[in-house]
Amino acid sequence: EEDEEEEEDEEHLALADFAVVIPTDELVSLPEGAKPVIPPPSTNIAITRARIIVQLQAAIYFPPEAEIVEDEAYATREA
């Protein structure tokens, strides 16, 4: 049963990875006297992805305040 679900997912992915370009002047006829609005280039192409993968970066370690105070005190003693 899992194999069937995986195959369906793969088929869905294969169908979703394509772009459709439709010229905006073919979609709607403007009324007389109306000025066309030219959309930004990014809206002319519709891309659909079935999955989005997010990669997390490594966490940054912040020491507790007590360690920071000790480090500052140590630094002032050496100077």
PDB file of N, CA and C in Angstrom:
ATOM      1  N   GLU A   1       0.819  -1.189   0.000  1.00  0.00           N
ATOM      2  CA  GLU A   1       0.000   0.000   0.000  1.00  0.00           C
ATOM      3  C   GLU A   1       0.870   1.262   0.000  1.00  0.00           C
ATOM      4  N   GLU A   2       1.984   1.242   0.762  1.00  0.00           N
ATOM      5  CA  GLU A   2       2.892   2.384   0.785  1.00  0.00           C
ATOM      6  C   GLU A   2       3.506   2.624  -0.585  1.00  0.00           C
ATOM      7  N   ASP A   3       3.820   1.536  -1.309  1.00  0.00           N
ATOM      8  CA  ASP A   3       4.392   1.679  -2.646  1.00  0.00           C
ATOM      9  C   ASP A   3       3.426   2.405  -3.568  1.00  0.00           C
ATOM     10  N   GLU A   4       2.132   2.094  -3.461  1.00  0.00           N
ATOM     11  CA  GLU A   4       1.137   2.760  -4.299  1.00  0.00           C
ATOM     12  C   GLU A   4       1.087   4.248  -3.981  1.00  0.00           C
ATOM     13  N   GLU A   5       1.139   4.604  -2.682  1.00  0.00           N
ATOM     14  CA  GLU A   5       1.125   6.011  -2.296  1.00  0.00           C
ATOM     15  C   GLU A   5       2.370   6.722  -2.804  1.00  0.00           C
ATOM     16  N   GLU A   6       3.532   6.074  -2.716  1.00  0.00           N
ATOM     17  CA  GLU A   6       4.774   6.678  -3.204  1.00  0.00           C
ATOM     18  C   GLU A   6       4.709   6.892  -4.706  1.00  0.00           C
ATOM     19  N   GLU A   7       4.155   5.921  -5.441  1.00  0.00           N
ATOM     20  CA  GLU A   7       4.031   6.066  -6.892  1.00  0.00           C
ATOM     21  C   GLU A   7       3.113   7.225  -7.230  1.00  0.00           C
ATOM     22  N   GLU A   8       2.005   7.368  -6.486  1.00  0.00           N
ATOM     23  CA  GLU A   8       1.099   8.484  -6.725  1.00  0.00           C
ATOM     24  C   GLU A   8       1.798   9.804  -6.454  1.00  0.00           C
ATOM     25  N   ASP A   9       2.591   9.866  -5.362  1.00  0.00           N
ATOM     26  CA  ASP A   9       3.343  11.081  -5.057  1.00  0.00           C
ATOM     27  C   ASP A   9       4.323  11.407  -6.175  1.00  0.00           C
ATOM     28  N   GLU A  10       5.034  10.394  -6.684  1.00  0.00           N
ATOM     29  CA  GLU A  10       6.002  10.620  -7.758  1.00  0.00           C
ATOM     30  C   GLU A  10       5.297  11.100  -9.022  1.00  0.00           C
ATOM     31  N   GLU A  11       4.137  10.516  -9.338  1.00  0.00           N
ATOM     32  CA  GLU A  11       3.388  10.968 -10.505  1.00  0.00           C
ATOM     33  C   GLU A  11       2.953  12.411 -10.312  1.00  0.00           C
ATOM     34  N   HIS A  12       2.494  12.740  -9.110  1.00  0.00           N
ATOM     35  CA  HIS A  12       2.066  14.104  -8.825  1.00  0.00           C
ATOM     36  C   HIS A  12       3.238  15.071  -8.969  1.00  0.00           C
ATOM     37  N   LEU A  13       4.405  14.681  -8.465  1.00  0.00           N
ATOM     38  CA  LEU A  13       5.589  15.524  -8.599  1.00  0.00           C
ATOM     39  C   LEU A  13       5.953  15.726 -10.062  1.00  0.00           C
ATOM     40  N   ALA A  14       5.886  14.676 -10.835  1.00  0.00           N
ATOM     41  CA  ALA A  14       6.242  14.777 -12.248  1.00  0.00           C
ATOM     42  C   ALA A  14       5.289  15.724 -12.964  1.00  0.00           C
ATOM     43  N   LEU A  15       4.028  15.691 -12.613  1.00  0.00           N
ATOM     44  CA  LEU A  15       3.056  16.566 -13.259  1.00  0.00           C
ATOM     45  C   LEU A  15       3.185  18.008 -12.777  1.00  0.00           C
ATOM     46  N   ALA A  16       3.665  18.214 -11.545  1.00  0.00           N
ATOM     47  CA  ALA A  16       3.713  19.554 -10.977  1.00  0.00           C
ATOM     48  C   ALA A  16       4.950  20.332 -11.405  1.00  0.00           C
ATOM     49  N   ASP A  17       5.996  19.678 -11.879  1.00  0.00           N
ATOM     50  CA  ASP A  17       7.229  20.373 -12.229  1.00  0.00           C
ATOM     51  C   ASP A  17       7.210  20.860 -13.676  1.00  0.00           C
ATOM     52  N   PHE A  18       6.368  21.833 -13.958  1.00  0.00           N
ATOM     53  CA  PHE A  18       6.346  22.428 -15.283  1.00  0.00           C
ATOM     54  C   PHE A  18       5.878  23.874 -15.159  1.00  0.00           C
ATOM     55  N   ALA A  19       6.129  24.650 -16.184  1.00  0.00           N
ATOM     56  CA  ALA A  19       5.720  26.050 -16.180  1.00  0.00           C
ATOM     57  C   ALA A  19       4.726  26.291 -17.304  1.00  0.00           C
ATOM     58  N   VAL A  20       3.738  27.134 -17.028  1.00  0.00           N
ATOM     59  CA  VAL A  20       2.745  27.496 -18.032  1.00  0.00           C
ATOM     60  C   VAL A  20       2.883  28.985 -18.282  1.00  0.00           C
ATOM     61  N   VAL A  21       3.028  29.360 -19.541  1.00  0.00           N
ATOM     62  CA  VAL A  21       3.140  30.764 -19.900  1.00  0.00           C
ATOM     63  C   VAL A  21       1.945  31.118 -20.768  1.00  0.00           C
ATOM     64  N   ILE A  22       1.139  32.071 -20.298  1.00  0.00           N
ATOM     65  CA  ILE A  22      -0.020  32.528 -21.062  1.00  0.00           C
ATOM     66  C   ILE A  22       0.153  34.022 -21.285  1.00  0.00           C
ATOM     67  N   PRO A  23       0.267  34.456 -22.539  1.00  0.00           N
ATOM     68  CA  PRO A  23       0.386  35.896 -22.796  1.00  0.00           C
ATOM     69  C   PRO A  23      -0.827  36.630 -22.231  1.00  0.00           C
ATOM     70  N   THR A  24      -0.592  37.726 -21.512  1.00  0.00           N
ATOM     71  CA  THR A  24      -1.694  38.431 -20.864  1.00  0.00           C
ATOM     72  C   THR A  24      -2.636  39.079 -21.863  1.00  0.00           C
ATOM     73  N   ASP A  25      -2.171  39.412 -23.060  1.00  0.00           N
ATOM     74  CA  ASP A  25      -3.060  40.043 -24.035  1.00  0.00           C
ATOM     75  C   ASP A  25      -4.074  39.061 -24.618  1.00  0.00           C
ATOM     76  N   GLU A  26      -3.873  37.765 -24.432  1.00  0.00           N
ATOM     77  CA  GLU A  26      -4.829  36.783 -24.925  1.00  0.00           C
ATOM     78  C   GLU A  26      -5.877  36.424 -23.880  1.00  0.00           C
ATOM     79  N   LEU A  27      -5.692  36.818 -22.647  1.00  0.00           N
ATOM     80  CA  LEU A  27      -6.613  36.436 -21.588  1.00  0.00           C
ATOM     81  C   LEU A  27      -7.898  37.263 -21.595  1.00  0.00           C
ATOM     82  N   VAL A  28      -7.784  38.572 -21.699  1.00  0.00           N
ATOM     83  CA  VAL A  28      -8.944  39.459 -21.580  1.00  0.00           C
ATOM     84  C   VAL A  28      -8.837  40.566 -22.613  1.00  0.00           C
ATOM     85  N   SER A  29      -9.966  40.906 -23.220  1.00  0.00           N
ATOM     86  CA  SER A  29     -10.007  42.069 -24.106  1.00  0.00           C
ATOM     87  C   SER A  29     -10.339  43.283 -23.254  1.00  0.00           C
ATOM     88  N   LEU A  30      -9.541  44.327 -23.372  1.00  0.00           N
ATOM     89  CA  LEU A  30      -9.756  45.530 -22.586  1.00  0.00           C
ATOM     90  C   LEU A  30     -10.873  46.371 -23.192  1.00  0.00           C
ATOM     91  N   PRO A  31     -11.659  47.038 -22.352  1.00  0.00           N
ATOM     92  CA  PRO A  31     -12.675  47.960 -22.874  1.00  0.00           C
ATOM     93  C   PRO A  31     -12.001  49.127 -23.579  1.00  0.00           C
ATOM     94  N   GLU A  32     -12.744  49.790 -24.457  1.00  0.00           N
ATOM     95  CA  GLU A  32     -12.173  50.928 -25.192  1.00  0.00           C
ATOM     96  C   GLU A  32     -11.745  52.015 -24.216  1.00  0.00           C
ATOM     97  N   GLY A  33     -10.587  52.597 -24.459  1.00  0.00           N
ATOM     98  CA  GLY A  33     -10.077  53.676 -23.629  1.00  0.00           C
ATOM     99  C   GLY A  33      -9.311  53.209 -22.400  1.00  0.00           C
ATOM    100  N   ALA A  34      -9.324  51.939 -22.121  1.00  0.00           N
ATOM    101  CA  ALA A  34      -8.606  51.424 -20.951  1.00  0.00           C
ATOM    102  C   ALA A  34      -7.143  51.197 -21.309  1.00  0.00           C
ATOM    103  N   LYS A  35      -6.269  51.515 -20.379  1.00  0.00           N
ATOM    104  CA  LYS A  35      -4.840  51.306 -20.597  1.00  0.00           C
ATOM    105  C   LYS A  35      -4.434  49.972 -19.981  1.00  0.00           C
ATOM    106  N   PRO A  36      -3.646  49.173 -20.702  1.00  0.00           N
ATOM    107  CA  PRO A  36      -3.216  47.888 -20.134  1.00  0.00           C
ATOM    108  C   PRO A  36      -2.202  48.100 -19.010  1.00  0.00           C
ATOM    109  N   VAL A  37      -2.259  47.258 -18.020  1.00  0.00           N
ATOM    110  CA  VAL A  37      -1.298  47.271 -16.919  1.00  0.00           C
ATOM    111  C   VAL A  37      -0.337  46.122 -17.159  1.00  0.00           C
ATOM    112  N   ILE A  38       0.956  46.431 -17.227  1.00  0.00           N
ATOM    113  CA  ILE A  38       1.963  45.397 -17.486  1.00  0.00           C
ATOM    114  C   ILE A  38       2.442  44.860 -16.140  1.00  0.00           C
ATOM    115  N   PRO A  39       2.173  43.587 -15.863  1.00  0.00           N
ATOM    116  CA  PRO A  39       2.616  43.018 -14.590  1.00  0.00           C
ATOM    117  C   PRO A  39       4.121  42.805 -14.580  1.00  0.00           C
ATOM    118  N   PRO A  40       4.726  42.693 -13.391  1.00  0.00           N
ATOM    119  CA  PRO A  40       6.153  42.399 -13.328  1.00  0.00           C
ATOM    120  C   PRO A  40       6.449  41.051 -13.976  1.00  0.00           C
ATOM    121  N   PRO A  41       7.662  40.860 -14.490  1.00  0.00           N
ATOM    122  CA  PRO A  41       7.997  39.618 -15.191  1.00  0.00           C
ATOM    123  C   PRO A  41       7.752  38.358 -14.371  1.00  0.00           C
ATOM    124  N   SER A  42       7.876  38.432 -13.064  1.00  0.00           N
ATOM    125  CA  SER A  42       7.715  37.232 -12.246  1.00  0.00           C
ATOM    126  C   SER A  42       6.294  36.690 -12.285  1.00  0.00           C
ATOM    127  N   THR A  43       5.302  37.522 -12.624  1.00  0.00           N
ATOM    128  CA  THR A  43       3.921  37.038 -12.638  1.00  0.00           C
ATOM    129  C   THR A  43       3.552  36.414 -13.974  1.00  0.00           C
ATOM    130  N   ASN A  44       4.408  36.517 -14.976  1.00  0.00           N
ATOM    131  CA  ASN A  44       4.100  35.934 -16.282  1.00  0.00           C
ATOM    132  C   ASN A  44       4.288  34.428 -16.308  1.00  0.00           C
ATOM    133  N   ILE A  45       5.035  33.879 -15.372  1.00  0.00           N
ATOM    134  CA  ILE A  45       5.314  32.445 -15.354  1.00  0.00           C
ATOM    135  C   ILE A  45       4.803  31.876 -14.037  1.00  0.00           C
ATOM    136  N   ALA A  46       3.968  30.865 -14.131  1.00  0.00           N
ATOM    137  CA  ALA A  46       3.462  30.198 -12.925  1.00  0.00           C
ATOM    138  C   ALA A  46       4.203  28.879 -12.757  1.00  0.00           C
ATOM    139  N   ILE A  47       4.893  28.724 -11.644  1.00  0.00           N
ATOM    140  CA  ILE A  47       5.628  27.491 -11.366  1.00  0.00           C
ATOM    141  C   ILE A  47       5.016  26.866 -10.114  1.00  0.00           C
ATOM    142  N   THR A  48       4.644  25.614 -10.208  1.00  0.00           N
ATOM    143  CA  THR A  48       4.036  24.915  -9.081  1.00  0.00           C
ATOM    144  C   THR A  48       4.972  23.808  -8.624  1.00  0.00           C
ATOM    145  N   ARG A  49       5.265  23.782  -7.356  1.00  0.00           N
ATOM    146  CA  ARG A  49       6.093  22.725  -6.772  1.00  0.00           C
ATOM    147  C   ARG A  49       5.245  21.973  -5.757  1.00  0.00           C
ATOM    148  N   ALA A  50       5.362  20.672  -5.756  1.00  0.00           N
ATOM    149  CA  ALA A  50       4.573  19.862  -4.833  1.00  0.00           C
ATOM    150  C   ALA A  50       5.179  19.848  -3.437  1.00  0.00           C
ATOM    151  N   ARG A  51       6.488  19.934  -3.327  1.00  0.00           N
ATOM    152  CA  ARG A  51       7.150  19.887  -2.027  1.00  0.00           C
ATOM    153  C   ARG A  51       8.171  21.004  -1.914  1.00  0.00           C
ATOM    154  N   ILE A  52       8.277  21.557  -0.712  1.00  0.00           N
ATOM    155  CA  ILE A  52       9.295  22.565  -0.427  1.00  0.00           C
ATOM    156  C   ILE A  52      10.176  21.994   0.679  1.00  0.00           C
ATOM    157  N   ILE A  53      11.467  21.951   0.435  1.00  0.00           N
ATOM    158  CA  ILE A  53      12.410  21.396   1.407  1.00  0.00           C
ATOM    159  C   ILE A  53      13.155  22.556   2.063  1.00  0.00           C
ATOM    160  N   VAL A  54      13.109  22.603   3.378  1.00  0.00           N
ATOM    161  CA  VAL A  54      13.787  23.652   4.129  1.00  0.00           C
ATOM    162  C   VAL A  54      14.970  23.027   4.851  1.00  0.00           C
ATOM    163  N   GLN A  55      16.153  23.595   4.628  1.00  0.00           N
ATOM    164  CA  GLN A  55      17.342  23.104   5.313  1.00  0.00           C
ATOM    165  C   GLN A  55      17.649  24.044   6.474  1.00  0.00           C
ATOM    166  N   LEU A  56      17.729  23.483   7.660  1.00  0.00           N
ATOM    167  CA  LEU A  56      18.001  24.283   8.841  1.00  0.00           C
ATOM    168  C   LEU A  56      19.501  24.461   9.020  1.00  0.00           C
ATOM    169  N   GLN A  57      19.887  25.653   9.464  1.00  0.00           N
ATOM    170  CA  GLN A  57      21.295  25.911   9.726  1.00  0.00           C
ATOM    171  C   GLN A  57      21.619  25.495  11.155  1.00  0.00           C
ATOM    172  N   ALA A  58      22.894  25.338  11.432  1.00  0.00           N
ATOM    173  CA  ALA A  58      23.332  24.939  12.767  1.00  0.00           C
ATOM    174  C   ALA A  58      22.957  26.018  13.779  1.00  0.00           C
ATOM    175  N   ALA A  59      22.585  25.603  14.959  1.00  0.00           N
ATOM    176  CA  ALA A  59      22.215  26.537  16.022  1.00  0.00           C
ATOM    177  C   ALA A  59      23.467  27.237  16.549  1.00  0.00           C
ATOM    178  N   ILE A  60      23.306  28.466  16.969  1.00  0.00           N
ATOM    179  CA  ILE A  60      24.412  29.236  17.542  1.00  0.00           C
ATOM    180  C   ILE A  60      24.303  29.152  19.061  1.00  0.00           C
ATOM    181  N   TYR A  61      25.390  28.833  19.720  1.00  0.00           N
ATOM    182  CA  TYR A  61      25.397  28.704  21.178  1.00  0.00           C
ATOM    183  C   TYR A  61      25.650  30.060  21.814  1.00  0.00           C
ATOM    184  N   PHE A  62      24.755  30.456  22.718  1.00  0.00           N
ATOM    185  CA  PHE A  62      24.950  31.663  23.503  1.00  0.00           C
ATOM    186  C   PHE A  62      25.142  31.236  24.954  1.00  0.00           C
ATOM    187  N   PRO A  63      26.303  31.538  25.551  1.00  0.00           N
ATOM    188  CA  PRO A  63      26.537  31.121  26.938  1.00  0.00           C
ATOM    189  C   PRO A  63      25.607  31.871  27.890  1.00  0.00           C
ATOM    190  N   PRO A  64      25.301  31.283  29.036  1.00  0.00           N
ATOM    191  CA  PRO A  64      24.479  31.979  30.040  1.00  0.00           C
ATOM    192  C   PRO A  64      25.176  33.251  30.501  1.00  0.00           C
ATOM    193  N   GLU A  65      24.395  34.178  31.067  1.00  0.00           N
ATOM    194  CA  GLU A  65      24.964  35.462  31.498  1.00  0.00           C
ATOM    195  C   GLU A  65      26.072  35.274  32.533  1.00  0.00           C
ATOM    196  N   ALA A  66      25.955  34.298  33.387  1.00  0.00           N
ATOM    197  CA  ALA A  66      26.980  34.068  34.416  1.00  0.00           C
ATOM    198  C   ALA A  66      28.332  33.804  33.775  1.00  0.00           C
ATOM    199  N   GLU A  67      28.364  33.028  32.707  1.00  0.00           N
ATOM    200  CA  GLU A  67      29.632  32.755  32.028  1.00  0.00           C
ATOM    201  C   GLU A  67      30.177  34.016  31.376  1.00  0.00           C
ATOM    202  N   ILE A  68      29.296  34.841  30.843  1.00  0.00           N
ATOM    203  CA  ILE A  68      29.742  36.083  30.196  1.00  0.00           C
ATOM    204  C   ILE A  68      30.371  36.999  31.240  1.00  0.00           C
ATOM    205  N   VAL A  69      29.733  37.138  32.410  1.00  0.00           N
ATOM    206  CA  VAL A  69      30.263  37.990  33.476  1.00  0.00           C
ATOM    207  C   VAL A  69      31.617  37.461  33.931  1.00  0.00           C
ATOM    208  N   GLU A  70      31.749  36.151  34.101  1.00  0.00           N
ATOM    209  CA  GLU A  70      33.028  35.573  34.509  1.00  0.00           C
ATOM    210  C   GLU A  70      34.105  35.854  33.465  1.00  0.00           C
ATOM    211  N   ASP A  71      33.759  35.721  32.186  1.00  0.00           N
ATOM    212  CA  ASP A  71      34.737  35.977  31.130  1.00  0.00           C
ATOM    213  C   ASP A  71      35.181  37.432  31.136  1.00  0.00           C
ATOM    214  N   GLU A  72      34.250  38.365  31.352  1.00  0.00           N
ATOM    215  CA  GLU A  72      34.607  39.783  31.386  1.00  0.00           C
ATOM    216  C   GLU A  72      35.515  40.071  32.582  1.00  0.00           C
ATOM    217  N   ALA A  73      35.207  39.472  33.722  1.00  0.00           N
ATOM    218  CA  ALA A  73      36.035  39.675  34.915  1.00  0.00           C
ATOM    219  C   ALA A  73      37.432  39.110  34.690  1.00  0.00           C
ATOM    220  N   TYR A  74      37.514  37.973  34.045  1.00  0.00           N
ATOM    221  CA  TYR A  74      38.802  37.351  33.755  1.00  0.00           C
ATOM    222  C   TYR A  74      39.613  38.230  32.809  1.00  0.00           C
ATOM    223  N   ALA A  75      38.948  38.813  31.812  1.00  0.00           N
ATOM    224  CA  ALA A  75      39.637  39.655  30.834  1.00  0.00           C
ATOM    225  C   ALA A  75      40.184  40.913  31.496  1.00  0.00           C
ATOM    226  N   THR A  76      39.449  41.479  32.463  1.00  0.00           N
ATOM    227  CA  THR A  76      39.937  42.698  33.115  1.00  0.00           C
ATOM    228  C   THR A  76      41.097  42.396  34.060  1.00  0.00           C
ATOM    229  N   ARG A  77      41.158  41.167  34.606  1.00  0.00           N
ATOM    230  CA  ARG A  77      42.273  40.804  35.486  1.00  0.00           C
ATOM    231  C   ARG A  77      43.574  40.661  34.701  1.00  0.00           C
ATOM    232  N   GLU A  78      43.473  40.171  33.468  1.00  0.00           N
ATOM    233  CA  GLU A  78      44.691  39.965  32.672  1.00  0.00           C
ATOM    234  C   GLU A  78      45.286  41.275  32.188  1.00  0.00           C
ATOM    235  N   ALA A  79      44.468  42.288  32.014  1.00  0.00           N
ATOM    236  CA  ALA A  79      44.935  43.539  31.435  1.00  0.00           C
ATOM    237  C   ALA A  79      45.713  44.381  32.372  1.00  0.00           C
TER     238      ALA A  79
END
